Amino acid sequence: MADMMQFDLVSPERMLASIQVSAVQIPGADGDMTAMPGHAATLTSLRPGVVRAQTAEGEKDFVVTRGFAEISAESISVIAEHAHVGTEVTKADLEDVLGSAREAATAAAAEDKDAAEKFVADLVQLMDNMD
């Protein structure tokens, strides 16, 4: 088994990362997970949080809202609705996303209400952790 794997992170606006990593921590919708070389093939949706990539040069952090991650033994691809380099993101960058999420939660049909409110709560928690 190799000790490094390919990691790509893209959002609609740009590619944020295309690097070799030894591990990536992912904020999956069902809980945090760490993917490493040789990982079983997995597809997971994302919740708002921090993607942490372990590179030869150290840790690189990226803030994501929602999207999904596709993991294989050789690579990890993260497609995020909104993504920012962790060292560059501010709370202001996420305010519009939070405002839209709150509106969507208010207007959500009964069967979608819990998921919409969880998304808002996850965003608030992410922003609180940025202090």
Protein backbone atom coordinates (compact mmCIF):
# COMPACT_ATOMS: atom_id res chain seq x y z
CA MET A 1 0.00 0.00 0.00
CA ALA A 2 1.33 3.44 -0.92
CA ASP A 3 1.75 6.07 1.78
CA MET A 4 0.33 8.96 -0.28
CA MET A 5 -2.79 9.46 -2.38
CA GLN A 6 -4.27 12.14 -4.65
CA PHE A 7 -6.62 14.70 -3.07
CA ASP A 8 -8.72 17.09 -5.16
CA LEU A 9 -11.11 19.72 -3.79
CA VAL A 10 -13.30 21.75 -6.13
CA SER A 11 -16.17 24.19 -5.80
CA PRO A 12 -18.20 25.75 -8.61
CA GLU A 13 -15.89 28.78 -8.53
CA ARG A 14 -12.47 27.10 -8.58
CA MET A 15 -10.19 24.19 -7.80
CA LEU A 16 -8.83 24.69 -4.29
CA ALA A 17 -6.52 21.70 -4.04
CA SER A 18 -4.89 19.06 -6.18
CA ILE A 19 -2.19 17.60 -3.95
CA GLN A 20 -0.66 14.42 -2.60
CA VAL A 21 -1.79 13.57 0.95
CA SER A 22 -1.26 10.89 3.57
CA ALA A 23 -4.73 11.39 5.12
CA VAL A 24 -7.80 13.62 4.83
CA GLN A 25 -10.34 14.25 7.59
CA ILE A 26 -13.80 14.82 6.10
CA PRO A 27 -16.92 16.26 7.80
CA GLY A 28 -19.32 13.61 6.54
CA ALA A 29 -23.05 13.97 6.99
CA ASP A 30 -23.03 10.89 9.24
CA GLY A 31 -19.93 11.98 11.19
CA ASP A 32 -16.29 12.84 10.70
CA MET A 33 -14.17 10.31 8.88
CA THR A 34 -10.51 10.02 7.96
CA ALA A 35 -9.53 8.61 4.58
CA MET A 36 -6.06 7.20 3.99
CA PRO A 37 -4.38 5.27 1.17
CA GLY A 38 -6.03 1.89 0.73
CA HIS A 39 -9.42 3.13 2.00
CA ALA A 40 -12.47 1.20 0.87
CA ALA A 41 -14.49 2.84 -1.89
CA THR A 42 -16.93 5.24 -0.24
CA LEU A 43 -19.26 8.03 -1.28
CA THR A 44 -20.49 10.39 1.44
CA SER A 45 -22.32 13.68 1.56
CA LEU A 46 -20.75 16.57 3.46
CA ARG A 47 -21.99 18.74 6.27
CA PRO A 48 -20.52 22.19 6.98
CA GLY A 49 -17.08 21.78 8.49
CA VAL A 50 -13.34 21.66 7.96
CA VAL A 51 -11.58 19.29 5.56
CA ARG A 52 -8.06 18.66 6.93
CA ALA A 53 -5.47 17.33 4.51
CA GLN A 54 -2.16 15.93 5.79
CA THR A 55 0.55 16.74 3.25
CA ALA A 56 4.33 16.32 3.24
CA GLU A 57 4.50 20.07 4.02
CA GLY A 58 2.04 19.89 6.92
CA GLU A 59 -1.70 20.27 7.46
CA LYS A 60 -3.88 22.21 5.01
CA ASP A 61 -7.40 23.16 6.07
CA PHE A 62 -10.39 23.97 3.87
CA VAL A 63 -13.84 25.12 5.01
CA VAL A 64 -16.76 23.52 3.13
CA THR A 65 -20.53 23.79 3.36
CA ARG A 66 -22.29 20.93 1.62
CA GLY A 67 -21.34 18.63 -1.21
CA PHE A 68 -19.94 15.14 -1.36
CA ALA A 69 -16.69 13.19 -1.15
CA GLU A 70 -15.75 10.21 -3.28
CA ILE A 71 -13.04 8.08 -1.74
CA SER A 72 -11.10 5.23 -3.31
CA ALA A 73 -7.92 3.40 -2.36
CA GLU A 74 -5.86 5.81 -4.50
CA SER A 75 -7.70 9.14 -4.34
CA ILE A 76 -10.17 11.46 -2.63
CA SER A 77 -12.33 13.91 -4.57
CA VAL A 78 -14.36 16.49 -2.67
CA ILE A 79 -16.97 18.49 -4.57
CA ALA A 80 -18.25 21.33 -2.36
CA GLU A 81 -21.10 23.77 -2.89
CA HIS A 82 -18.99 26.44 -1.15
CA ALA A 83 -15.33 26.01 -0.19
CA HIS A 84 -12.61 28.28 1.12
CA VAL A 85 -8.97 27.87 2.05
CA GLY A 86 -9.01 27.64 5.84
CA THR A 87 -6.45 30.39 6.38
CA GLU A 88 -8.41 32.80 4.17
CA VAL A 89 -12.04 32.25 5.22
CA THR A 90 -13.88 34.66 7.50
CA LYS A 91 -17.30 34.56 9.15
CA ALA A 92 -18.41 37.19 6.64
CA ASP A 93 -17.71 34.70 3.83
CA LEU A 94 -20.33 32.39 5.33
CA GLU A 95 -22.99 34.95 6.34
CA ASP A 96 -24.81 34.78 2.97
CA VAL A 97 -24.83 30.99 3.09
CA LEU A 98 -26.24 31.08 6.63
CA GLY A 99 -28.90 33.63 5.65
CA SER A 100 -30.03 31.51 2.71
CA ALA A 101 -30.01 28.38 4.88
CA ARG A 102 -32.20 30.04 7.51
CA GLU A 103 -34.68 31.15 4.82
CA ALA A 104 -34.74 27.63 3.38
CA ALA A 105 -35.32 26.12 6.84
CA THR A 106 -38.22 28.48 7.49
CA ALA A 107 -39.83 27.63 4.14
CA ALA A 108 -39.04 23.88 4.20
CA ALA A 109 -41.83 21.35 3.90
CA ALA A 110 -42.45 19.26 7.02
CA GLU A 111 -40.54 16.25 5.67
CA ASP A 112 -37.46 18.42 4.91
CA LYS A 113 -37.55 20.61 8.03
CA ASP A 114 -35.20 18.54 10.20
CA ALA A 115 -32.48 18.34 7.54
CA ALA A 116 -32.75 22.07 6.80
CA GLU A 117 -32.53 22.97 10.49
CA LYS A 118 -29.55 20.62 10.97
CA PHE A 119 -27.74 22.36 8.10
CA VAL A 120 -28.32 25.73 9.82
CA ALA A 121 -27.09 24.34 13.14
CA ASP A 122 -23.96 22.89 11.50
CA LEU A 123 -23.21 26.24 9.84
CA VAL A 124 -23.64 28.10 13.14
CA GLN A 125 -21.32 25.63 14.86
CA LEU A 126 -18.72 26.01 12.12
CA MET A 127 -18.84 29.79 12.41
CA ASP A 128 -18.63 29.63 16.23
CA ASN A 129 -15.50 27.48 15.93
CA MET A 130 -13.85 30.15 13.78
CA ASP A 131 -13.31 32.39 16.84
